Protein backbone atom coordinates (compact mmCIF):
# COMPACT_ATOMS: atom_id res chain seq x y z
CA MET A 1 16.81 -62.29 45.60
CA ASP A 2 16.72 -65.67 43.87
CA THR A 3 19.84 -67.80 44.23
CA VAL A 4 20.96 -70.71 42.14
CA ARG A 5 23.55 -73.38 42.70
CA ILE A 6 25.59 -73.95 39.59
CA LYS A 7 28.46 -76.36 39.24
CA GLU A 8 31.76 -75.02 37.99
CA SER A 9 31.62 -77.56 35.17
CA GLU A 10 28.15 -76.32 34.15
CA LEU A 11 29.24 -72.69 34.11
CA ARG A 12 32.30 -73.64 32.07
CA GLN A 13 30.08 -75.55 29.64
CA ILE A 14 27.79 -72.54 29.16
CA THR A 15 30.71 -70.13 28.79
CA LEU A 16 32.42 -72.36 26.22
CA PHE A 17 29.15 -72.64 24.29
CA ILE A 18 28.86 -68.83 24.12
CA ILE A 19 32.49 -68.61 22.99
CA ASP A 20 32.03 -71.34 20.38
CA THR A 21 28.95 -69.70 18.88
CA LYS A 22 30.71 -66.29 18.67
CA ILE A 23 27.72 -64.13 19.49
CA ILE A 24 29.17 -61.45 21.80
CA PHE A 25 31.38 -58.67 20.43
CA HIS A 26 33.37 -55.68 21.61
CA PRO A 27 36.45 -54.09 19.99
CA VAL A 28 38.67 -54.80 23.01
CA ILE A 29 36.88 -57.33 25.22
CA SER A 30 35.63 -59.57 22.41
CA PRO A 31 36.94 -58.53 18.96
CA ASN A 32 36.58 -62.08 17.60
CA GLY A 33 33.57 -63.24 19.62
CA PHE A 34 35.63 -64.56 22.56
CA PRO A 35 34.76 -62.42 25.64
CA ASP A 36 37.71 -61.72 27.96
CA PHE A 37 37.01 -59.45 30.94
CA SER A 38 40.34 -60.05 32.68
CA ASN A 39 41.50 -56.41 32.30
CA HIS A 40 38.08 -54.86 32.83
CA GLN A 41 37.24 -55.65 36.44
CA GLY A 42 35.03 -53.24 38.37
CA ILE A 43 33.42 -51.74 35.26
CA LYS A 44 29.71 -52.04 34.47
CA ASN A 45 28.94 -54.18 31.41
CA ILE A 46 25.87 -53.67 29.21
CA LEU A 47 24.87 -56.14 26.49
CA ILE A 48 22.85 -54.88 23.50
CA LEU A 49 20.74 -57.58 21.80
CA ASP A 50 20.30 -57.72 18.05
CA ARG A 51 16.84 -58.30 16.57
CA ASN A 52 17.74 -61.84 15.51
CA ILE A 53 18.20 -62.78 19.18
CA LEU A 54 15.31 -60.74 20.59
CA THR A 55 12.73 -62.15 18.14
CA PRO A 56 13.11 -65.84 19.15
CA MET A 57 13.43 -64.80 22.78
CA ILE A 58 10.05 -63.04 22.60
CA GLY A 59 8.64 -66.11 20.84
CA LEU A 60 9.84 -68.32 23.70
CA LEU A 61 8.36 -65.96 26.29
CA LYS A 62 5.00 -65.80 24.48
CA THR A 63 4.52 -69.48 23.69
CA GLY A 64 6.77 -71.22 26.20
CA HIS A 65 8.64 -73.20 23.53
CA LEU A 66 10.82 -72.96 20.43
CA LYS A 67 11.28 -75.56 17.72
CA ASP A 68 14.93 -74.62 17.24
CA ASP A 69 16.95 -76.34 19.98
CA HIS A 70 20.09 -74.34 19.18
CA ILE A 71 18.42 -70.93 19.46
CA ARG A 72 16.68 -71.98 22.67
CA LYS A 73 20.04 -73.01 24.11
CA ILE A 74 21.56 -69.67 23.08
CA ILE A 75 18.79 -67.74 24.86
CA GLY A 76 19.08 -69.84 28.01
CA SER A 77 22.87 -69.55 28.00
CA LEU A 78 22.76 -65.76 27.58
CA MET A 79 20.27 -65.41 30.44
CA VAL A 80 22.44 -67.52 32.77
CA TRP A 81 25.76 -66.05 31.66
CA THR A 82 24.69 -62.39 31.89
CA GLN A 83 23.03 -62.84 35.29
CA PHE A 84 26.00 -64.76 36.69
CA ASN A 85 28.41 -62.09 35.45
CA ASN A 86 26.16 -59.18 36.51
CA ILE A 87 25.79 -57.91 32.94
CA SER A 88 22.80 -55.70 32.13
CA VAL A 89 20.89 -56.58 28.97
CA THR A 90 19.05 -54.07 26.74
CA SER A 91 16.91 -54.44 23.63
CA GLY A 92 15.98 -50.84 22.86
CA LEU A 93 17.47 -50.63 19.35
CA ALA A 94 15.94 -53.97 18.33
CA LEU A 95 12.55 -52.69 19.51
CA SER A 96 12.99 -49.53 17.45
CA GLU A 97 13.71 -51.60 14.35
CA TYR A 98 10.58 -53.67 14.99
CA ALA A 99 8.37 -50.61 15.55
CA TYR A 100 9.75 -48.98 12.41
CA HIS A 101 8.93 -51.99 10.24
CA LYS A 102 5.48 -52.31 11.82
CA GLY A 103 4.83 -48.59 11.51
CA ARG A 104 3.38 -48.39 15.03
CA GLU A 105 4.34 -48.64 18.69
CA ALA A 106 1.95 -51.19 20.22
CA GLU A 107 3.77 -54.44 19.44
CA ALA A 108 7.15 -52.98 20.41
CA ASN A 109 5.79 -51.87 23.79
CA LEU A 110 4.36 -55.33 24.42
CA GLU A 111 7.72 -56.87 23.54
CA ARG A 112 9.45 -54.45 25.88
CA ASP A 113 7.22 -55.47 28.79
CA LEU A 114 7.73 -59.17 28.01
CA PHE A 115 11.48 -58.67 27.84
CA LEU A 116 11.63 -56.84 31.18
CA LYS A 117 9.30 -59.33 32.87
CA ALA A 118 11.50 -62.24 31.80
CA PHE A 119 14.25 -61.17 34.20
CA ASN A 120 11.95 -61.23 37.25
CA ASN A 121 9.40 -63.94 36.44
CA TYR A 122 11.60 -67.03 36.12
CA HIS A 123 13.87 -68.59 38.69
CA PRO A 124 17.47 -68.70 37.41
CA ASN A 125 17.34 -72.50 37.61
CA ILE A 126 14.87 -72.50 34.71
CA TRP A 127 17.32 -70.69 32.43
CA LEU A 128 20.11 -72.98 33.63
CA GLU A 129 18.08 -76.04 32.65
CA ILE A 130 17.25 -74.46 29.26
CA ALA A 131 20.93 -73.68 28.69
CA LEU A 132 22.01 -77.23 29.53
CA GLY A 133 19.27 -78.84 27.44
CA ARG A 134 17.55 -80.44 30.41
CA ARG A 135 14.39 -78.42 29.80
CA LYS A 136 12.66 -77.42 26.54
CA THR A 137 9.67 -75.40 27.69
CA ILE A 138 8.88 -72.57 30.09
CA GLU A 139 5.64 -71.12 31.42
CA PRO A 140 4.43 -68.53 28.86
CA LEU A 141 4.17 -64.88 29.91
CA THR A 142 1.30 -62.50 29.28
CA VAL A 143 1.51 -58.73 29.64
CA ASP A 144 -0.48 -55.60 28.96
CA ALA A 145 1.77 -52.74 27.93
CA SER A 146 1.40 -50.38 30.90
CA GLU A 147 3.64 -47.61 29.57
CA GLU A 148 3.91 -46.25 26.06
CA PHE A 149 7.39 -45.55 24.75
CA SER A 150 8.20 -44.05 21.39
CA TYR A 151 10.20 -46.64 19.44
CA ASN A 152 8.93 -45.96 15.91
CA LYS A 153 11.52 -43.49 14.73
CA GLU A 154 14.26 -43.23 12.17
CA TYR A 155 17.56 -42.59 13.89
CA ASP A 156 19.95 -40.21 12.18
CA HIS A 157 22.31 -43.16 11.83
CA TYR A 158 19.64 -45.19 10.08
CA LYS A 159 18.89 -42.42 7.58
CA MET A 160 22.56 -42.01 6.73
CA HIS A 161 23.03 -45.75 6.29
CA TYR A 162 19.88 -46.01 4.19
CA LEU A 163 21.27 -43.24 1.99
CA GLU A 164 24.56 -45.15 1.76
CA MET A 165 22.72 -48.34 0.80
CA LEU A 166 20.83 -46.60 -1.99
CA LYS A 167 24.15 -45.47 -3.45
CA ILE A 168 25.82 -48.85 -2.90
CA ALA A 169 22.90 -50.57 -4.65
CA GLN A 170 23.26 -48.19 -7.61
CA TYR A 171 26.87 -49.19 -8.11
CA TYR A 172 26.09 -52.86 -7.42
CA PHE A 173 23.56 -52.99 -10.28
CA ASP A 174 25.59 -50.79 -12.63
CA GLN A 175 27.03 -53.32 -15.08
CA SER A 176 29.32 -50.73 -16.68
CA LEU A 177 31.50 -50.58 -13.56
CA SER A 178 34.26 -52.99 -12.58
CA LEU A 179 34.38 -54.34 -9.02
CA GLU A 180 37.17 -51.91 -8.27
CA GLY A 181 35.23 -49.07 -9.86
CA LYS A 182 32.15 -49.75 -7.72
CA ILE A 183 34.24 -49.45 -4.58
CA THR A 184 36.33 -46.43 -5.47
CA ARG A 185 33.33 -44.47 -6.78
CA PHE A 186 31.47 -45.09 -3.54
CA HIS A 187 34.50 -44.04 -1.49
CA ARG A 188 34.63 -40.75 -3.40
CA TRP A 189 30.88 -40.20 -3.06
CA VAL A 190 30.72 -40.92 0.68
CA TYR A 191 33.79 -38.74 1.30
CA ASP A 192 32.10 -35.85 -0.51
CA ASN A 193 28.71 -36.24 1.18
CA LEU A 194 28.72 -38.06 4.54
CA ILE A 195 30.66 -38.92 7.66
CA LEU A 196 32.89 -41.91 6.95
CA CYS A 197 31.89 -45.20 8.59
CA GLY A 198 34.41 -48.03 8.78
CA TYR A 199 31.63 -50.62 9.02
CA THR A 200 30.16 -49.44 5.71
CA ILE A 201 33.59 -49.59 4.07
CA SER A 202 33.97 -53.20 5.26
CA TYR A 203 30.42 -54.10 4.22
CA LEU A 204 30.97 -52.74 0.70
CA ALA A 205 34.12 -54.82 0.27
CA LEU A 206 32.33 -57.95 1.48
CA LEU A 207 29.31 -57.30 -0.76
CA THR A 208 31.37 -56.53 -3.87
CA GLY A 209 33.64 -59.49 -3.20
CA GLY A 210 30.69 -61.89 -2.92
CA ARG A 211 31.16 -62.59 0.79
CA ILE A 212 27.74 -61.08 1.65
CA ASN A 213 24.74 -61.72 -0.61
CA THR A 214 22.40 -58.83 0.16
CA PHE A 215 20.83 -58.55 -3.31
CA ASN A 216 21.26 -62.07 -4.71
CA LYS A 217 17.66 -63.16 -4.20
CA THR A 218 15.93 -59.87 -5.05
CA LYS A 219 13.44 -60.22 -7.91
CA ASN A 220 12.09 -56.68 -8.22
CA PHE A 221 12.81 -53.10 -7.22
CA ASP A 222 10.64 -53.24 -4.09
CA GLN A 223 12.71 -56.16 -2.80
CA VAL A 224 15.91 -54.21 -3.51
CA ILE A 225 14.63 -51.30 -1.41
CA SER A 226 13.58 -53.69 1.35
CA GLN A 227 17.09 -55.13 1.44
CA CYS A 228 18.57 -51.63 1.51
CA LYS A 229 16.45 -50.82 4.56
CA ASN A 230 17.31 -54.08 6.32
CA GLN A 231 21.02 -53.60 5.75
CA ALA A 232 20.78 -49.98 6.86
CA TRP A 233 19.39 -51.18 10.19
CA ASP A 234 22.23 -53.68 10.55
CA LEU A 235 24.81 -50.97 9.93
CA SER A 236 22.93 -48.70 12.35
CA TYR A 237 23.33 -51.28 15.13
CA LEU A 238 27.08 -51.14 14.63
CA SER A 239 27.48 -47.38 14.19
CA LEU A 240 25.16 -46.45 17.08
CA TRP A 241 26.96 -48.96 19.24
CA SER A 242 30.31 -47.47 18.19
CA THR A 243 29.24 -44.08 19.58
CA LEU A 244 28.64 -45.81 22.92
CA TYR A 245 31.96 -47.60 23.16
CA ASP A 246 33.79 -44.50 21.95
CA ASN A 247 32.53 -42.84 25.16
CA GLU A 248 33.20 -45.80 27.46
CA PRO A 249 36.02 -44.08 29.42
CA GLU A 250 33.67 -41.25 30.43
CA SER A 251 30.68 -43.50 31.18
CA ASN A 252 32.67 -46.14 33.10
CA ALA A 253 30.74 -48.85 31.27
CA ASN A 254 31.48 -51.39 28.55
CA TYR A 255 28.89 -51.80 25.79
CA LEU A 256 28.86 -55.25 24.25
CA PHE A 257 26.77 -56.44 21.32
CA ALA A 258 25.15 -59.85 20.79
CA THR A 259 24.11 -61.03 17.32
CA LEU A 260 23.47 -64.22 15.37
CA ASP A 261 23.77 -62.46 12.00
CA LYS A 262 26.71 -63.89 10.04
CA GLY A 263 27.06 -60.74 7.97
CA LEU A 264 27.25 -58.47 11.00
CA LYS A 265 29.85 -60.76 12.55
CA GLN A 266 31.98 -60.59 9.41
CA ILE A 267 31.69 -56.82 9.17
CA PHE A 268 32.63 -56.30 12.79
CA MET A 269 35.53 -58.73 12.94
CA LEU A 270 37.11 -57.50 9.70
CA THR A 271 36.69 -53.86 10.69
CA HIS A 272 38.46 -54.35 14.01
CA ASN A 273 41.11 -56.86 12.92
CA GLU A 274 44.16 -54.68 12.36
CA ALA A 275 46.21 -57.70 11.30
CA ILE A 276 44.16 -58.13 8.10
CA ASP A 277 44.38 -55.96 4.99
CA LEU A 278 40.66 -56.08 4.17
CA HIS A 279 40.79 -55.31 0.45
CA SER A 280 43.84 -57.47 -0.29
CA GLU A 281 42.24 -60.30 1.67
CA ILE A 282 39.11 -60.16 -0.50
CA PHE A 283 40.39 -59.02 -3.92
CA GLY A 284 44.03 -60.08 -3.92
CA SER A 285 47.16 -58.00 -3.52
CA ASN A 286 47.02 -56.21 -6.90
CA VAL A 287 43.41 -55.00 -6.86
CA GLY A 288 43.41 -54.66 -3.09
CA GLY A 289 46.57 -52.57 -3.23
CA ARG A 290 45.04 -50.22 -5.80
CA ILE A 291 41.89 -49.82 -3.69
CA ASN A 292 44.00 -49.07 -0.62
CA GLN A 293 46.00 -46.46 -2.53
CA SER A 294 42.78 -44.92 -3.81
CA MET A 295 41.45 -44.70 -0.23
CA HIS A 296 44.69 -43.03 0.83
CA ASP A 297 44.30 -40.50 -1.99
CA ILE A 298 40.59 -39.84 -1.38
CA PHE A 299 40.25 -39.84 2.40
CA LYS A 300 42.12 -36.63 3.19
CA PRO A 301 41.30 -34.46 6.23
CA ARG A 302 38.38 -32.19 5.36
CA PRO A 303 35.58 -30.23 7.03
CA LEU A 304 32.54 -32.36 7.72
CA PRO A 305 29.93 -32.10 4.94
CA LYS A 306 26.48 -30.61 5.44
CA MET A 307 24.57 -33.11 7.59
CA SER A 308 21.11 -31.68 8.33
CA ILE A 309 18.24 -34.16 8.33
CA GLU A 310 16.47 -32.10 5.67
CA HIS A 311 19.48 -32.36 3.40
CA ILE A 312 19.79 -36.11 4.00
CA ASP A 313 16.08 -36.57 3.21
CA GLU A 314 16.56 -34.62 -0.02
CA MET A 315 19.53 -36.79 -0.96
CA ILE A 316 17.55 -39.95 -0.17
CA GLY A 317 14.89 -38.87 -2.66
CA THR A 318 17.51 -38.16 -5.32
CA GLU A 319 19.42 -41.41 -4.81
CA PHE A 320 16.20 -43.45 -4.65
CA SER A 321 15.23 -42.15 -8.10
CA GLN A 322 18.72 -42.78 -9.44
CA LEU A 323 18.73 -46.34 -8.10
CA GLU A 324 15.34 -47.02 -9.67
CA GLN A 325 16.62 -45.76 -13.01
CA THR A 326 19.81 -47.85 -12.78
CA TYR A 327 17.92 -50.97 -11.70
CA ASN A 328 15.32 -50.66 -14.48
CA SER A 329 18.06 -50.10 -17.04
CA THR A 330 19.88 -53.23 -15.86
CA THR A 331 16.67 -55.26 -15.88
CA ARG A 332 15.89 -54.22 -19.45
CA GLN A 333 19.38 -55.28 -20.57
CA GLU A 334 18.86 -58.75 -19.07
CA ILE A 335 15.54 -59.36 -20.83
């Protein structure tokens, strides 16, 4: 086993950098991006990487360098910090997202092998020097994917979030609705049709309140759909992860999540910050209070709605057509 001598001051510097960049999250251990394991000794910790961390990491492994000094430092710091703290790192969901967008498995399997090889191929001192800025390049890796894994698939969570995004986009582009109306109509629709997701509720408030700009730069319907799919993957990271940490007591493991995405950070922190009234914070006490009362009135205990994949696929087709009609109608009004 490789060993590395690291000064206490260097470890503190790396830890403070990770805390300052707010990239690691967990509802209890790190609700605001500041990891604190003081009450979680003796439990296995697993860190799930978002795509926006895995992509530059793979680039560094392939080419041996990155132009972005800050991202390179983040990757080096994560490698040192997780190994020092005996934290396992996984990239499976990020690989699934990549395979889905590519429409095939080959590149995802190559990335998987590169990712796994990175933990055995480099001496820890190399990552320490990268983290501290004393080194800017590493020896590139080459691999041939020896095993084929199926990553190109649409998770149930992804399909549900894509369906949600199609509906959210409809209300977003519907100029006849007030901001409050967009939110309350979606709450009613999702209550009638899907399992409720707190992350989606937070995302909708941030989008409608102008805190997240998902559709601002879209110029045509295809770009709107692309943004719906991208956001559905982001929400899937959070909801899939939530199923893991909901079962942490039984699994005797903590599942943490690392991301550079500002939107995901906002969604997570606002969802898990019980001290903040989300809707009043974004829309003010009057509008926010009415939205909260509406949620109280709508979200009553009820049997779960029909959730078969066939039914969700059928709804996706219906909502896709409705979004296209709404978008085209809005576009014609602007001409």
